[in-house]
Amino acid sequence: MDASPGQVGGTPRWHAAVAHTADVGVRATAPDPRALLEEAAAALAELSADVSQAKRRRPEAIEVRADDLPALTFAWLNELIGLADARGEALVEARMEDLESTPDGWLARGTAGFAAYDADVRPRLQVKAATFHRLKVAREGEGWALEAYFDV
């Protein structure tokens, strides 16, 4: 997976694959937690399938809750993996519509787009689950950084 640079405001967004002996990892940065979760989903989509030519995208609403941002990231990524698996389709994109801290923890609402595997959408790695192994979500400089690992 190649790095995917972008710019939102003054903080760059990007993600890249990280070598690991048994799993596959990703690192991502973004200006805020909402964009960071979108960037993590983009990394997951690129790991799972070649989706650059996907034409049809079937949307699915997503809502996850957790006590803190690392747990929310874990829940968000596993929800995306589970929906792709249940549909037998590739995750193409995910957009975070609402991310808020509540008295009970964190709440994320978004939409994910999926596409059927065909000549334009080919599988890459079979990602089974996100893990808590070395999961990191933290403020870094003026933005946010994430490191996550997946069972493959």
C-alpha atoms as a PDB file:
ATOM      1  CA  MET A   1       0.000   0.000   0.000  1.00  0.00           C
ATOM      2  CA  ASP A   2       1.421   3.363  -0.948  1.00  0.00           C
ATOM      3  CA  ALA A   3       1.206   6.334   1.339  1.00  0.00           C
ATOM      4  CA  SER A   4      -1.761   8.522   0.556  1.00  0.00           C
ATOM      5  CA  PRO A   5      -0.843  12.139   1.288  1.00  0.00           C
ATOM      6  CA  GLY A   6      -3.440  14.847   1.654  1.00  0.00           C
ATOM      7  CA  GLN A   7      -3.868  18.196   3.338  1.00  0.00           C
ATOM      8  CA  VAL A   8      -6.669  19.508   5.503  1.00  0.00           C
ATOM      9  CA  GLY A   9      -5.971  22.918   6.955  1.00  0.00           C
ATOM     10  CA  GLY A  10      -2.408  23.066   8.258  1.00  0.00           C
ATOM     11  CA  THR A  11      -2.090  19.403   9.285  1.00  0.00           C
ATOM     12  CA  PRO A  12      -1.349  16.745   6.657  1.00  0.00           C
ATOM     13  CA  ARG A  13      -3.364  13.545   6.399  1.00  0.00           C
ATOM     14  CA  TRP A  14      -1.686  10.287   5.373  1.00  0.00           C
ATOM     15  CA  HIS A  15      -1.551   6.559   6.016  1.00  0.00           C
ATOM     16  CA  ALA A  16       0.881   3.730   5.219  1.00  0.00           C
ATOM     17  CA  ALA A  17       1.295  -0.015   5.806  1.00  0.00           C
ATOM     18  CA  VAL A  18       3.575  -1.066   8.654  1.00  0.00           C
ATOM     19  CA  ALA A  19       5.610  -4.303   8.547  1.00  0.00           C
ATOM     20  CA  HIS A  20       4.854  -6.818  11.293  1.00  0.00           C
ATOM     21  CA  THR A  21       5.792 -10.484  11.720  1.00  0.00           C
ATOM     22  CA  ALA A  22       2.295 -12.010  12.092  1.00  0.00           C
ATOM     23  CA  ASP A  23      -0.215  -9.276  11.355  1.00  0.00           C
ATOM     24  CA  VAL A  24      -0.372  -6.131   9.293  1.00  0.00           C
ATOM     25  CA  GLY A  25      -0.303  -2.667  10.776  1.00  0.00           C
ATOM     26  CA  VAL A  26      -1.116   0.831   9.653  1.00  0.00           C
ATOM     27  CA  ARG A  27      -0.144   4.292  10.795  1.00  0.00           C
ATOM     28  CA  ALA A  28      -2.218   7.352  10.030  1.00  0.00           C
ATOM     29  CA  THR A  29      -2.272  11.031  10.846  1.00  0.00           C
ATOM     30  CA  ALA A  30      -4.957  13.672  10.529  1.00  0.00           C
ATOM     31  CA  PRO A  31      -5.788  17.092  11.966  1.00  0.00           C
ATOM     32  CA  ASP A  32      -8.540  15.773  14.278  1.00  0.00           C
ATOM     33  CA  PRO A  33      -9.945  12.467  15.602  1.00  0.00           C
ATOM     34  CA  ARG A  34     -12.848  12.468  13.135  1.00  0.00           C
ATOM     35  CA  ALA A  35     -10.532  12.692  10.123  1.00  0.00           C
ATOM     36  CA  LEU A  36      -8.205  10.170  11.787  1.00  0.00           C
ATOM     37  CA  LEU A  37     -10.947   7.519  11.889  1.00  0.00           C
ATOM     38  CA  GLU A  38     -11.710   8.191   8.225  1.00  0.00           C
ATOM     39  CA  GLU A  39      -8.022   7.825   7.388  1.00  0.00           C
ATOM     40  CA  ALA A  40      -7.834   4.537   9.320  1.00  0.00           C
ATOM     41  CA  ALA A  41     -10.826   3.272   7.317  1.00  0.00           C
ATOM     42  CA  ALA A  42      -9.098   4.300   4.063  1.00  0.00           C
ATOM     43  CA  ALA A  43      -6.020   2.333   5.110  1.00  0.00           C
ATOM     44  CA  LEU A  44      -8.177  -0.700   5.948  1.00  0.00           C
ATOM     45  CA  ALA A  45      -9.935  -0.467   2.565  1.00  0.00           C
ATOM     46  CA  GLU A  46      -6.594  -0.375   0.722  1.00  0.00           C
ATOM     47  CA  LEU A  47      -5.236  -3.330   2.698  1.00  0.00           C
ATOM     48  CA  SER A  48      -8.338  -5.422   2.033  1.00  0.00           C
ATOM     49  CA  ALA A  49      -8.918  -4.806  -1.667  1.00  0.00           C
ATOM     50  CA  ASP A  50      -7.870  -2.908  -4.746  1.00  0.00           C
ATOM     51  CA  VAL A  51     -10.816  -0.521  -4.791  1.00  0.00           C
ATOM     52  CA  SER A  52      -9.428   2.270  -6.962  1.00  0.00           C
ATOM     53  CA  GLN A  53     -11.788   1.424  -9.844  1.00  0.00           C
ATOM     54  CA  ALA A  54     -14.922   0.700  -7.780  1.00  0.00           C
ATOM     55  CA  LYS A  55     -17.923   2.224  -9.520  1.00  0.00           C
ATOM     56  CA  ARG A  56     -20.894   1.077  -7.458  1.00  0.00           C
ATOM     57  CA  ARG A  57     -20.942   1.780  -3.744  1.00  0.00           C
ATOM     58  CA  ARG A  58     -23.663   0.497  -1.483  1.00  0.00           C
ATOM     59  CA  PRO A  59     -23.914   2.709   1.623  1.00  0.00           C
ATOM     60  CA  GLU A  60     -24.394   1.404   5.148  1.00  0.00           C
ATOM     61  CA  ALA A  61     -24.986   3.518   8.256  1.00  0.00           C
ATOM     62  CA  ILE A  62     -22.634   2.828  11.167  1.00  0.00           C
ATOM     63  CA  GLU A  63     -22.861   3.738  14.829  1.00  0.00           C
ATOM     64  CA  VAL A  64     -20.357   2.629  17.464  1.00  0.00           C
ATOM     65  CA  ARG A  65     -19.795   3.578  21.098  1.00  0.00           C
ATOM     66  CA  ALA A  66     -16.830   3.080  23.412  1.00  0.00           C
ATOM     67  CA  ASP A  67     -15.297   4.358  26.642  1.00  0.00           C
ATOM     68  CA  ASP A  68     -12.294   6.063  25.010  1.00  0.00           C
ATOM     69  CA  LEU A  69     -10.818   6.896  21.596  1.00  0.00           C
ATOM     70  CA  PRO A  70      -8.632   3.757  21.277  1.00  0.00           C
ATOM     71  CA  ALA A  71     -11.625   1.540  22.090  1.00  0.00           C
ATOM     72  CA  LEU A  72     -13.775   3.554  19.667  1.00  0.00           C
ATOM     73  CA  THR A  73     -11.159   3.084  16.935  1.00  0.00           C
ATOM     74  CA  PHE A  74     -11.129  -0.661  17.652  1.00  0.00           C
ATOM     75  CA  ALA A  75     -14.953  -0.789  17.446  1.00  0.00           C
ATOM     76  CA  TRP A  76     -15.081   1.382  14.279  1.00  0.00           C
ATOM     77  CA  LEU A  77     -12.535  -0.735  12.399  1.00  0.00           C
ATOM     78  CA  ASN A  78     -14.091  -4.033  13.481  1.00  0.00           C
ATOM     79  CA  GLU A  79     -17.558  -2.825  12.476  1.00  0.00           C
ATOM     80  CA  LEU A  80     -16.222  -2.032   8.994  1.00  0.00           C
ATOM     81  CA  ILE A  81     -14.488  -5.429   8.766  1.00  0.00           C
ATOM     82  CA  GLY A  82     -17.617  -7.243   9.966  1.00  0.00           C
ATOM     83  CA  LEU A  83     -19.927  -5.473   7.521  1.00  0.00           C
ATOM     84  CA  ALA A  84     -17.599  -6.169   4.583  1.00  0.00           C
ATOM     85  CA  ASP A  85     -17.387  -9.822   5.582  1.00  0.00           C
ATOM     86  CA  ALA A  86     -21.153 -10.184   6.097  1.00  0.00           C
ATOM     87  CA  ARG A  87     -21.851  -8.571   2.726  1.00  0.00           C
ATOM     88  CA  GLY A  88     -19.087 -10.463   0.909  1.00  0.00           C
ATOM     89  CA  GLU A  89     -18.024  -7.108  -0.517  1.00  0.00           C
ATOM     90  CA  ALA A  90     -15.066  -4.762  -0.352  1.00  0.00           C
ATOM     91  CA  LEU A  91     -14.977  -1.705   1.869  1.00  0.00           C
ATOM     92  CA  VAL A  92     -14.494   1.218  -0.496  1.00  0.00           C
ATOM     93  CA  GLU A  93     -14.840   4.252   1.742  1.00  0.00           C
ATOM     94  CA  ALA A  94     -16.044   5.421   5.118  1.00  0.00           C
ATOM     95  CA  ARG A  95     -17.121   8.875   6.207  1.00  0.00           C
ATOM     96  CA  MET A  96     -17.491  10.029   9.778  1.00  0.00           C
ATOM     97  CA  GLU A  97     -20.594  12.190  10.112  1.00  0.00           C
ATOM     98  CA  ASP A  98     -20.524  12.703  13.864  1.00  0.00           C
ATOM     99  CA  LEU A  99     -17.927  12.075  16.544  1.00  0.00           C
ATOM    100  CA  GLU A 100     -18.643  13.239  20.049  1.00  0.00           C
ATOM    101  CA  SER A 101     -17.510  12.783  23.594  1.00  0.00           C
ATOM    102  CA  THR A 102     -20.495  12.027  25.833  1.00  0.00           C
ATOM    103  CA  PRO A 103     -20.786  11.495  29.601  1.00  0.00           C
ATOM    104  CA  ASP A 104     -20.799   7.734  28.863  1.00  0.00           C
ATOM    105  CA  GLY A 105     -17.754   7.768  26.542  1.00  0.00           C
ATOM    106  CA  TRP A 106     -17.462   8.315  22.800  1.00  0.00           C
ATOM    107  CA  LEU A 107     -20.026   8.000  20.020  1.00  0.00           C
ATOM    108  CA  ALA A 108     -19.245   7.763  16.310  1.00  0.00           C
ATOM    109  CA  ARG A 109     -21.785   7.861  13.481  1.00  0.00           C
ATOM    110  CA  GLY A 110     -20.823   7.476   9.888  1.00  0.00           C
ATOM    111  CA  THR A 111     -21.462   5.841   6.552  1.00  0.00           C
ATOM    112  CA  ALA A 112     -19.437   3.176   4.815  1.00  0.00           C
ATOM    113  CA  GLY A 113     -19.541   2.350   1.114  1.00  0.00           C
ATOM    114  CA  PHE A 114     -19.113  -1.206  -0.145  1.00  0.00           C
ATOM    115  CA  ALA A 115     -18.664  -2.642  -3.636  1.00  0.00           C
ATOM    116  CA  ALA A 116     -19.017  -6.152  -5.013  1.00  0.00           C
ATOM    117  CA  TYR A 117     -15.824  -7.948  -5.975  1.00  0.00           C
ATOM    118  CA  ASP A 118     -15.437  -8.020  -9.758  1.00  0.00           C
ATOM    119  CA  ALA A 119     -12.828  -7.236 -12.420  1.00  0.00           C
ATOM    120  CA  ASP A 120     -12.496  -3.687 -11.043  1.00  0.00           C
ATOM    121  CA  VAL A 121     -12.515  -4.588  -7.321  1.00  0.00           C
ATOM    122  CA  ARG A 122     -10.046  -7.329  -6.462  1.00  0.00           C
ATOM    123  CA  PRO A 123      -9.309  -8.734  -2.985  1.00  0.00           C
ATOM    124  CA  ARG A 124      -5.876  -8.228  -1.411  1.00  0.00           C
ATOM    125  CA  LEU A 125      -5.479  -9.347   2.211  1.00  0.00           C
ATOM    126  CA  GLN A 126      -8.210 -11.116   4.132  1.00  0.00           C
ATOM    127  CA  VAL A 127      -8.365  -8.869   7.191  1.00  0.00           C
ATOM    128  CA  LYS A 128     -10.079 -10.794   9.995  1.00  0.00           C
ATOM    129  CA  ALA A 129     -10.132  -8.242  12.818  1.00  0.00           C
ATOM    130  CA  ALA A 130      -8.571  -5.154  14.332  1.00  0.00           C
ATOM    131  CA  THR A 131      -6.632  -5.869  17.518  1.00  0.00           C
ATOM    132  CA  PHE A 132      -5.693  -3.975  20.659  1.00  0.00           C
ATOM    133  CA  HIS A 133      -2.048  -4.996  20.068  1.00  0.00           C
ATOM    134  CA  ARG A 134      -0.050  -1.731  20.083  1.00  0.00           C
ATOM    135  CA  LEU A 135      -3.203   0.234  19.300  1.00  0.00           C
ATOM    136  CA  LYS A 136      -2.416   3.906  19.722  1.00  0.00           C
ATOM    137  CA  VAL A 137      -4.592   6.965  19.195  1.00  0.00           C
ATOM    138  CA  ALA A 138      -3.061  10.177  20.469  1.00  0.00           C
ATOM    139  CA  ARG A 139      -2.569  13.865  19.885  1.00  0.00           C
ATOM    140  CA  GLU A 140       0.749  14.450  18.136  1.00  0.00           C
ATOM    141  CA  GLY A 141       1.942  17.987  17.505  1.00  0.00           C
ATOM    142  CA  GLU A 142      -0.906  19.962  15.987  1.00  0.00           C
ATOM    143  CA  GLY A 143      -2.772  16.853  14.832  1.00  0.00           C
ATOM    144  CA  TRP A 144      -3.582  13.278  15.764  1.00  0.00           C
ATOM    145  CA  ALA A 145      -1.813   9.963  15.090  1.00  0.00           C
ATOM    146  CA  LEU A 146      -2.961   6.373  15.018  1.00  0.00           C
ATOM    147  CA  GLU A 147      -1.226   3.011  14.907  1.00  0.00           C
ATOM    148  CA  ALA A 148      -3.346  -0.133  14.565  1.00  0.00           C
ATOM    149  CA  TYR A 149      -2.732  -3.792  13.785  1.00  0.00           C
ATOM    150  CA  PHE A 150      -5.020  -6.304  12.102  1.00  0.00           C
ATOM    151  CA  ASP A 151      -5.216 -10.101  12.189  1.00  0.00           C
ATOM    152  CA  VAL A 152      -4.907 -11.414   8.642  1.00  0.00           C
END
